[in-house]
Protein backbone atom coordinates (compact mmCIF):
# COMPACT_ATOMS: atom_id res chain seq x y z
CA UNK A 1 -5.10 -92.33 128.54
CA UNK A 2 -8.70 -93.18 129.17
CA UNK A 3 -11.24 -91.20 127.14
CA UNK A 4 -14.70 -90.57 128.54
CA UNK A 5 -17.67 -92.24 126.89
CA UNK A 6 -19.28 -89.06 125.49
CA UNK A 7 -15.97 -87.75 124.16
CA UNK A 8 -15.17 -91.14 122.65
CA UNK A 9 -18.54 -91.15 120.85
CA UNK A 10 -17.95 -87.61 119.54
CA UNK A 11 -14.55 -88.54 118.13
CA UNK A 12 -15.96 -91.70 116.58
CA UNK A 13 -18.78 -89.68 114.98
CA UNK A 14 -16.29 -87.18 113.51
CA UNK A 15 -14.08 -89.99 112.14
CA UNK A 16 -17.05 -91.74 110.58
CA UNK A 17 -18.22 -88.46 109.06
CA UNK A 18 -14.79 -87.76 107.58
CA UNK A 19 -14.55 -91.29 106.18
CA UNK A 20 -18.06 -90.98 104.76
CA UNK A 21 -17.33 -87.71 102.94
CA UNK A 22 -13.90 -88.89 101.75
CA UNK A 23 -15.41 -92.00 100.24
CA UNK A 24 -18.39 -90.21 98.74
CA UNK A 25 -16.66 -88.55 95.76
CA UNK A 26 -16.78 -90.69 92.62
CA UNK A 27 -13.72 -91.16 90.41
CA UNK A 28 -14.27 -91.57 86.67
CA UNK A 29 -11.47 -93.32 84.77
CA UNK A 30 -11.49 -93.42 80.97
CA UNK A 31 -10.51 -96.27 78.65
CA UNK A 32 -8.05 -93.91 76.95
CA UNK A 33 -5.21 -91.53 77.76
CA UNK A 34 -7.74 -88.95 78.97
CA UNK A 35 -7.04 -87.89 82.58
CA UNK A 36 -9.50 -89.14 85.18
CA UNK A 37 -12.15 -86.86 86.66
CA UNK A 38 -13.84 -86.67 90.06
CA UNK A 39 -17.55 -86.17 90.62
CA UNK A 40 -18.06 -84.20 93.84
CA UNK A 41 -20.88 -85.40 96.04
CA UNK A 42 -22.80 -84.03 99.00
CA UNK A 43 -24.62 -85.93 101.74
CA UNK A 44 -28.18 -84.85 102.49
CA UNK A 45 -30.07 -86.72 105.20
CA UNK A 46 -27.66 -89.67 104.92
CA UNK A 47 -28.07 -89.91 101.09
CA UNK A 48 -25.24 -89.05 98.68
CA UNK A 49 -26.15 -86.61 95.89
CA UNK A 50 -24.24 -84.86 93.11
CA UNK A 51 -24.86 -81.81 90.94
CA UNK A 52 -26.26 -82.91 87.55
CA UNK A 53 -23.82 -80.53 85.84
CA UNK A 54 -20.96 -82.78 87.00
CA UNK A 55 -22.10 -84.97 84.09
CA UNK A 56 -21.02 -82.25 81.70
CA UNK A 57 -17.51 -82.23 83.13
CA UNK A 58 -17.14 -86.01 83.12
CA UNK A 59 -19.21 -87.11 80.12
CA UNK A 60 -19.48 -83.90 78.03
CA UNK A 61 -23.21 -84.20 78.59
CA UNK A 62 -25.53 -81.59 77.11
CA UNK A 63 -27.96 -80.60 79.88
CA UNK A 64 -31.10 -78.47 79.77
CA UNK A 65 -34.06 -77.99 82.05
CA UNK A 66 -37.64 -77.81 80.81
CA UNK A 67 -39.55 -76.00 83.53
CA UNK A 68 -42.84 -76.22 81.65
CA UNK A 69 -42.76 -80.02 81.52
CA UNK A 70 -40.88 -80.27 84.83
CA UNK A 71 -38.01 -82.32 83.52
CA UNK A 72 -34.25 -82.23 83.00
CA UNK A 73 -32.87 -83.44 79.66
CA UNK A 74 -29.39 -84.98 79.66
CA UNK A 75 -27.66 -86.17 76.49
CA UNK A 76 -24.78 -88.64 77.06
CA UNK A 77 -23.02 -90.53 74.24
CA UNK A 78 -25.68 -89.19 71.88
CA UNK A 79 -28.50 -90.73 73.94
CA UNK A 80 -31.24 -88.74 75.70
CA UNK A 81 -32.07 -89.28 79.38
CA UNK A 82 -35.08 -87.49 80.87
CA UNK A 83 -35.19 -86.85 84.61
CA UNK A 84 -38.58 -85.99 86.10
CA UNK A 85 -38.22 -83.16 88.62
CA UNK A 86 -39.27 -83.74 92.22
CA UNK A 87 -39.37 -87.48 91.60
CA UNK A 88 -37.01 -90.45 91.63
CA UNK A 89 -37.78 -91.46 88.05
CA UNK A 90 -35.82 -91.08 84.85
CA UNK A 91 -36.88 -92.09 81.35
CA UNK A 92 -34.63 -93.66 78.73
CA UNK A 93 -36.50 -94.45 75.52
CA UNK A 94 -39.64 -96.30 76.58
CA UNK A 95 -38.10 -97.52 79.86
CA UNK A 96 -38.33 -95.93 83.30
CA UNK A 97 -35.74 -96.30 86.06
CA UNK A 98 -36.18 -95.59 89.76
CA UNK A 99 -33.23 -93.91 91.51
CA UNK A 100 -34.87 -94.64 94.90
CA UNK A 101 -34.46 -91.04 96.07
CA UNK A 102 -36.01 -87.92 94.56
CA UNK A 103 -34.12 -85.25 92.64
CA UNK A 104 -33.46 -82.25 94.90
CA UNK A 105 -33.42 -78.60 93.86
CA UNK A 106 -31.08 -76.60 96.08
CA UNK A 107 -29.66 -73.09 95.55
CA UNK A 108 -30.54 -73.20 91.86
CA UNK A 109 -28.85 -76.58 91.41
CA UNK A 110 -30.34 -79.96 90.53
CA UNK A 111 -28.96 -82.75 92.70
CA UNK A 112 -29.25 -86.40 91.65
CA UNK A 113 -28.77 -89.40 93.95
CA UNK A 114 -25.41 -91.14 93.53
CA UNK A 115 -27.30 -94.38 92.89
CA UNK A 116 -27.77 -93.08 89.34
CA UNK A 117 -23.99 -93.26 88.86
CA UNK A 118 -23.33 -96.56 90.59
CA UNK A 119 -26.27 -98.59 89.32
CA UNK A 120 -28.41 -97.02 86.60
CA UNK A 121 -25.78 -95.38 84.38
CA UNK A 122 -23.69 -98.59 84.05
CA UNK A 123 -26.89 -100.49 83.25
CA UNK A 124 -28.08 -98.10 80.51
CA UNK A 125 -24.61 -97.77 78.95
CA UNK A 126 -23.37 -101.28 79.73
CA UNK A 127 -21.10 -101.34 76.65
CA UNK A 128 -19.49 -98.01 77.56
CA UNK A 129 -19.57 -97.64 81.36
CA UNK A 130 -18.95 -100.02 84.25
CA UNK A 131 -18.84 -99.67 88.05
CA UNK A 132 -15.74 -101.42 89.33
CA UNK A 133 -13.72 -101.06 92.54
CA UNK A 134 -15.79 -98.03 93.58
CA UNK A 135 -14.96 -96.25 90.31
CA UNK A 136 -16.71 -95.57 87.03
CA UNK A 137 -14.75 -96.95 84.08
CA UNK A 138 -15.93 -95.20 80.91
CA UNK A 139 -15.25 -94.83 77.23
CA UNK A 140 -14.01 -91.43 76.08
CA UNK A 141 -17.07 -89.14 76.05
CA UNK A 142 -18.48 -87.47 72.97
CA UNK A 143 -17.78 -83.73 73.01
CA UNK A 144 -21.11 -81.96 72.37
CA UNK A 145 -19.76 -78.45 72.90
CA UNK A 146 -19.99 -75.81 70.18
CA UNK A 147 -16.73 -75.97 68.28
CA UNK A 148 -17.62 -75.25 64.64
CA UNK A 149 -19.62 -72.28 63.36
CA UNK A 150 -20.69 -71.48 59.80
CA UNK A 151 -21.17 -67.80 58.96
CA UNK A 152 -23.26 -67.21 55.88
CA UNK A 153 -22.80 -63.78 54.23
CA UNK A 154 -26.06 -63.31 52.29
CA UNK A 155 -26.33 -62.92 48.52
CA UNK A 156 -23.18 -62.45 46.38
CA UNK A 157 -22.10 -62.47 42.75
CA UNK A 158 -25.00 -61.82 40.41
CA UNK A 159 -27.29 -61.33 43.42
CA UNK A 160 -26.53 -57.93 45.03
CA UNK A 161 -29.16 -58.22 47.77
CA UNK A 162 -30.50 -54.96 49.21
CA UNK A 163 -29.39 -51.76 47.49
CA UNK A 164 -28.44 -48.74 49.59
CA UNK A 165 -30.34 -45.46 49.71
CA UNK A 166 -27.41 -43.88 47.86
CA UNK A 167 -27.49 -46.61 45.21
CA UNK A 168 -23.76 -47.03 45.81
CA UNK A 169 -23.69 -49.77 48.47
CA UNK A 170 -24.89 -53.35 48.21
CA UNK A 171 -25.87 -55.83 50.86
CA UNK A 172 -23.58 -58.52 49.46
CA UNK A 173 -20.51 -56.32 50.08
CA UNK A 174 -21.47 -55.10 53.56
CA UNK A 175 -22.29 -58.54 54.98
CA UNK A 176 -19.15 -60.14 53.54
CA UNK A 177 -17.05 -57.51 55.29
CA UNK A 178 -18.95 -58.15 58.53
CA UNK A 179 -18.55 -61.92 58.17
CA UNK A 180 -14.77 -61.67 57.70
CA UNK A 181 -14.46 -59.46 60.79
CA UNK A 182 -16.70 -61.72 62.87
CA UNK A 183 -14.79 -64.84 61.81
CA UNK A 184 -11.53 -63.30 62.96
CA UNK A 185 -12.92 -62.24 66.35
CA UNK A 186 -14.61 -65.59 67.05
CA UNK A 187 -11.50 -67.60 66.23
CA UNK A 188 -9.26 -65.30 68.26
CA UNK A 189 -11.39 -65.25 71.40
CA UNK A 190 -13.33 -68.54 71.41
CA UNK A 191 -12.08 -72.07 70.95
CA UNK A 192 -13.98 -72.55 67.68
CA UNK A 193 -13.42 -73.12 63.97
CA UNK A 194 -15.34 -70.66 61.79
CA UNK A 195 -16.20 -71.44 58.17
CA UNK A 196 -17.73 -69.08 55.60
CA UNK A 197 -20.33 -70.18 53.05
CA UNK A 198 -18.60 -67.69 50.75
CA UNK A 199 -15.41 -65.68 51.28
CA UNK A 200 -15.56 -63.61 48.09
CA UNK A 201 -18.09 -61.98 45.78
CA UNK A 202 -19.64 -65.11 44.30
CA UNK A 203 -23.15 -66.49 43.98
CA UNK A 204 -24.04 -69.40 46.26
CA UNK A 205 -27.53 -70.90 46.17
CA UNK A 206 -29.55 -71.00 49.37
CA UNK A 207 -29.59 -74.79 49.33
CA UNK A 208 -25.80 -74.96 48.95
CA UNK A 209 -25.35 -72.79 52.03
CA UNK A 210 -27.10 -75.12 54.49
CA UNK A 211 -25.64 -78.14 52.70
CA UNK A 212 -22.20 -76.66 53.34
CA UNK A 213 -23.03 -76.28 57.04
CA UNK A 214 -24.34 -79.85 57.33
CA UNK A 215 -21.41 -81.40 55.44
CA UNK A 216 -18.97 -79.57 57.71
CA UNK A 217 -20.81 -80.68 60.87
CA UNK A 218 -21.47 -77.12 61.98
CA UNK A 219 -22.79 -76.57 65.49
CA UNK A 220 -24.26 -73.14 64.63
CA UNK A 221 -25.41 -71.55 61.37
CA UNK A 222 -25.62 -67.75 61.27
CA UNK A 223 -26.79 -65.97 58.13
CA UNK A 224 -25.82 -62.29 57.87
CA UNK A 225 -28.01 -59.76 56.04
CA UNK A 226 -29.02 -56.13 55.66
CA UNK A 227 -32.63 -55.16 55.13
CA UNK A 228 -34.54 -52.94 52.70
CA UNK A 229 -38.01 -51.38 52.59
CA UNK A 230 -40.03 -49.30 50.16
CA UNK A 231 -40.41 -46.73 52.92
CA UNK A 232 -36.95 -45.22 53.40
CA UNK A 233 -37.84 -44.15 56.95
CA UNK A 234 -38.11 -47.75 58.19
CA UNK A 235 -35.11 -48.72 60.32
CA UNK A 236 -33.91 -51.08 63.04
CA UNK A 237 -32.33 -54.43 63.76
CA UNK A 238 -34.11 -57.80 63.84
CA UNK A 239 -33.25 -61.47 64.12
CA UNK A 240 -35.13 -64.41 62.64
CA UNK A 241 -35.27 -68.12 63.27
CA UNK A 242 -37.08 -70.76 61.23
CA UNK A 243 -40.85 -71.16 61.38
CA UNK A 244 -43.96 -70.00 59.59
CA UNK A 245 -43.96 -66.20 59.40
CA UNK A 246 -46.27 -64.82 62.08
CA UNK A 247 -46.68 -61.20 61.02
CA UNK A 248 -47.10 -59.26 57.78
CA UNK A 249 -43.70 -57.65 58.32
CA UNK A 250 -42.05 -61.02 58.83
CA UNK A 251 -43.72 -62.36 55.69
CA UNK A 252 -42.44 -59.36 53.73
CA UNK A 253 -38.84 -59.94 54.83
CA UNK A 254 -39.24 -63.67 54.19
CA UNK A 255 -40.45 -62.99 50.65
CA UNK A 256 -37.58 -60.61 49.97
CA UNK A 257 -34.87 -62.99 51.20
CA UNK A 258 -36.45 -65.97 49.39
CA UNK A 259 -36.80 -63.99 46.13
CA UNK A 260 -33.27 -65.04 45.17
CA UNK A 261 -34.66 -68.50 44.34
CA UNK A 262 -37.04 -67.05 41.74
CA UNK A 263 -34.57 -64.58 40.24
CA UNK A 264 -31.25 -66.43 40.31
CA UNK A 265 -31.83 -70.15 40.92
CA UNK A 266 -34.30 -71.11 38.20
CA UNK A 267 -37.75 -69.80 39.09
CA UNK A 268 -40.66 -72.12 39.92
CA UNK A 269 -38.68 -75.33 39.36
CA UNK A 270 -36.07 -74.18 41.84
CA UNK A 271 -38.75 -73.27 44.37
CA UNK A 272 -40.14 -76.78 44.04
CA UNK A 273 -36.79 -78.18 45.20
CA UNK A 274 -37.16 -76.24 48.43
CA UNK A 275 -40.70 -77.49 49.00
CA UNK A 276 -40.37 -81.19 48.15
CA UNK A 277 -40.39 -84.09 50.62
CA UNK A 278 -36.65 -83.89 51.30
CA UNK A 279 -36.96 -80.35 52.57
CA UNK A 280 -40.09 -81.13 54.55
CA UNK A 281 -38.11 -83.84 56.33
CA UNK A 282 -35.23 -81.41 56.75
CA UNK A 283 -37.60 -78.93 58.37
CA UNK A 284 -38.68 -81.63 60.80
CA UNK A 285 -35.06 -82.29 61.74
CA UNK A 286 -34.32 -78.59 62.13
CA UNK A 287 -37.41 -78.11 64.29
CA UNK A 288 -35.59 -79.97 67.06
CA UNK A 289 -33.34 -76.91 67.34
CA UNK A 290 -36.04 -74.23 67.32
CA UNK A 291 -35.77 -73.42 71.04
CA UNK A 292 -31.99 -73.22 70.80
CA UNK A 293 -32.29 -71.06 67.68
CA UNK A 294 -34.63 -68.72 69.50
CA UNK A 295 -32.28 -68.49 72.49
CA UNK A 296 -29.31 -67.77 70.23
CA UNK A 297 -31.32 -65.13 68.35
CA UNK A 298 -32.51 -63.50 71.57
CA UNK A 299 -28.95 -63.30 72.91
CA UNK A 300 -27.66 -61.69 69.73
CA UNK A 301 -30.61 -59.29 69.38
CA UNK A 302 -30.26 -58.07 72.97
CA UNK A 303 -26.55 -57.44 72.55
CA UNK A 304 -26.99 -55.67 69.19
CA UNK A 305 -29.70 -53.30 70.38
CA UNK A 306 -27.88 -52.55 73.64
CA UNK A 307 -24.65 -51.59 71.87
CA UNK A 308 -26.03 -49.72 68.84
CA UNK A 309 -29.17 -48.15 70.37
CA UNK A 310 -30.90 -49.06 67.10
CA UNK A 311 -34.65 -49.55 66.96
CA UNK A 312 -35.44 -52.99 68.35
CA UNK A 313 -37.54 -54.88 65.80
CA UNK A 314 -37.37 -58.04 67.86
CA UNK A 315 -36.75 -61.76 67.41
CA UNK A 316 -39.16 -63.19 64.86
CA UNK A 317 -40.08 -66.38 63.07
CA UNK A 318 -40.08 -66.77 59.30
CA UNK A 319 -39.77 -69.54 56.74
CA UNK A 320 -36.44 -68.56 55.17
CA UNK A 321 -35.23 -71.05 52.59
CA UNK A 322 -31.63 -70.43 53.71
CA UNK A 323 -32.46 -71.74 57.20
CA UNK A 324 -34.37 -74.78 56.01
CA UNK A 325 -32.41 -77.99 56.24
CA UNK A 326 -29.81 -76.69 58.70
CA UNK A 327 -29.44 -79.51 61.24
CA UNK A 328 -28.24 -77.21 64.01
CA UNK A 329 -29.36 -74.00 65.77
CA UNK A 330 -29.71 -71.42 62.98
CA UNK A 331 -30.57 -67.73 62.84
CA UNK A 332 -30.72 -64.97 60.26
CA UNK A 333 -29.54 -61.49 61.31
CA UNK A 334 -30.80 -58.29 59.69
CA UNK A 335 -28.28 -55.62 60.77
CA UNK A 336 -30.30 -52.64 59.58
CA UNK A 337 -31.93 -51.08 56.53
CA UNK A 338 -29.66 -50.04 53.68
CA UNK A 339 -32.71 -48.33 52.24
CA UNK A 340 -32.65 -45.93 55.19
CA UNK A 341 -30.26 -43.01 54.57
CA UNK A 342 -28.90 -42.84 58.12
CA UNK A 343 -28.59 -46.57 58.64
CA UNK A 344 -26.81 -46.96 55.31
CA UNK A 345 -24.18 -44.46 56.48
CA UNK A 346 -23.71 -46.39 59.72
CA UNK A 347 -23.57 -49.82 58.09
CA UNK A 348 -20.60 -48.85 55.91
CA UNK A 349 -18.72 -47.16 58.78
CA UNK A 350 -15.90 -49.20 60.31
CA UNK A 351 -16.60 -48.10 63.90
CA UNK A 352 -20.30 -49.04 63.63
CA UNK A 353 -19.40 -52.37 62.02
CA UNK A 354 -17.12 -53.03 64.99
CA UNK A 355 -20.07 -52.43 67.34
CA UNK A 356 -22.14 -54.92 65.37
CA UNK A 357 -19.36 -57.53 65.41
CA UNK A 358 -18.67 -57.09 69.13
CA UNK A 359 -22.39 -57.49 69.84
CA UNK A 360 -22.84 -60.63 67.75
CA UNK A 361 -19.72 -62.05 69.37
CA UNK A 362 -21.16 -61.43 72.85
CA UNK A 363 -24.45 -63.06 71.86
CA UNK A 364 -22.69 -66.15 70.47
CA UNK A 365 -20.25 -66.34 73.38
CA UNK A 366 -23.01 -66.21 76.00
CA UNK A 367 -25.09 -68.78 74.14
CA UNK A 368 -22.07 -71.07 73.80
CA UNK A 369 -21.24 -70.77 77.50
CA UNK A 370 -24.73 -71.85 78.48
CA UNK A 371 -24.95 -74.52 75.78
CA UNK A 372 -21.61 -76.01 76.80
CA UNK A 373 -22.67 -75.89 80.47
CA UNK A 374 -19.61 -73.83 81.41
CA UNK A 375 -20.96 -72.76 84.80
C-alpha cells in the first residue's frame, strides 16, 4: 500500500515523538541490592527537563527553596548544591556549572534540564555516580529523612519545675506523662524511632539532654514544658526556638527555664559551662537549623491552638540552655500555665492531654512530610 506524502510525514513525526519520550526517562541503578528507580522527564521546546523533587526519590536529596535569595538548595550525599532560579547556573562550593538551559518554574514545580543528570552530576560526584549506557550508576544514597526524634520532658527528680495553682501538681510529672503518650503515638503512626531524655522521675542536666540527642543522631529535638507566672490569670500556649530573647515576656520564660542551672547544677560555675567557647561553637552549628526550627515550631503551635482553642501566645525566640548545642531542628513547647487555675485543671485531664498530643503529632507529621519531600 502506498501512503501519501503528508500522511507518511505525520506517522513519522508521531513515531519520532514516541521514541523521543520513551528514551527521555532516566534509569538510576544502584551499586547495591537497592531496586533501580526511574526519573520521569518532560520535553519543553525540544529540551528534556525533570522535576527537581525526583532527586529526593532517587538520591534521598533534601530540597528547599529560598524565595528571598532566589535559589533552590539540594543536599545529595551530604553535599550542598545551589541552583539559581531563572538561570542555567548551579553552585557547588566555590565552583559554578552551566546547565545550558534555564531552570523552569511550571505549575508550582521546579524543572531542571536533564543535562544536569547526564553531565554535571557525574562530574561533581565522580566517585559515586557515573553515566553509562544511558543510565546513571550510583552508590546507595544517604537517607536524610527524619527517622529519629528525641523528646525531652522538662525538669525531673529534685527539680519539680512549675508548681500548679493547687500546689498539688508539678510540671515534671505532667510533661513526663505527655512525653510517654507522644512517644507511643509517633512510633505507632510514623516510621520513626522516639527516644526520651528521661523516662522516669529523675534529674537530668540541661547539657546532658542535648548531648543525649546528639549522641543518638536525633533528627528532631523537642523539649516539653508547662509554664508559670506570678499573675495567676496569665494563660496560653507558646513555642520557642533558639535565639536571643526578643521580648520581655520571652526573657522571663528564658530566665525561668534556665534557672535550673543555678539551683540544681552548681550555680555560677555551671552557668560558665553553658557560656564557654564550646557552647558558642555549638550555637553556631545549631543556627544552621533555625529556619527549620521555626517552621517546626509554627506547625506545632498552629495545631495546638486550633485544637485546644487556648490563647495563642505565638512562636518566639529565646536563648534556652536546653536548646543550645542541639545539632538538629529543636523547639521548646510550653503547653500552658500550671499557675493558672483553669489551665492546671485541663493539663492534668486525660482528654485535654490527648488533644495536646494529637496536635503535636500533627505538627511533627506535617513538618516531616515537607522535610522528607513526600509530595
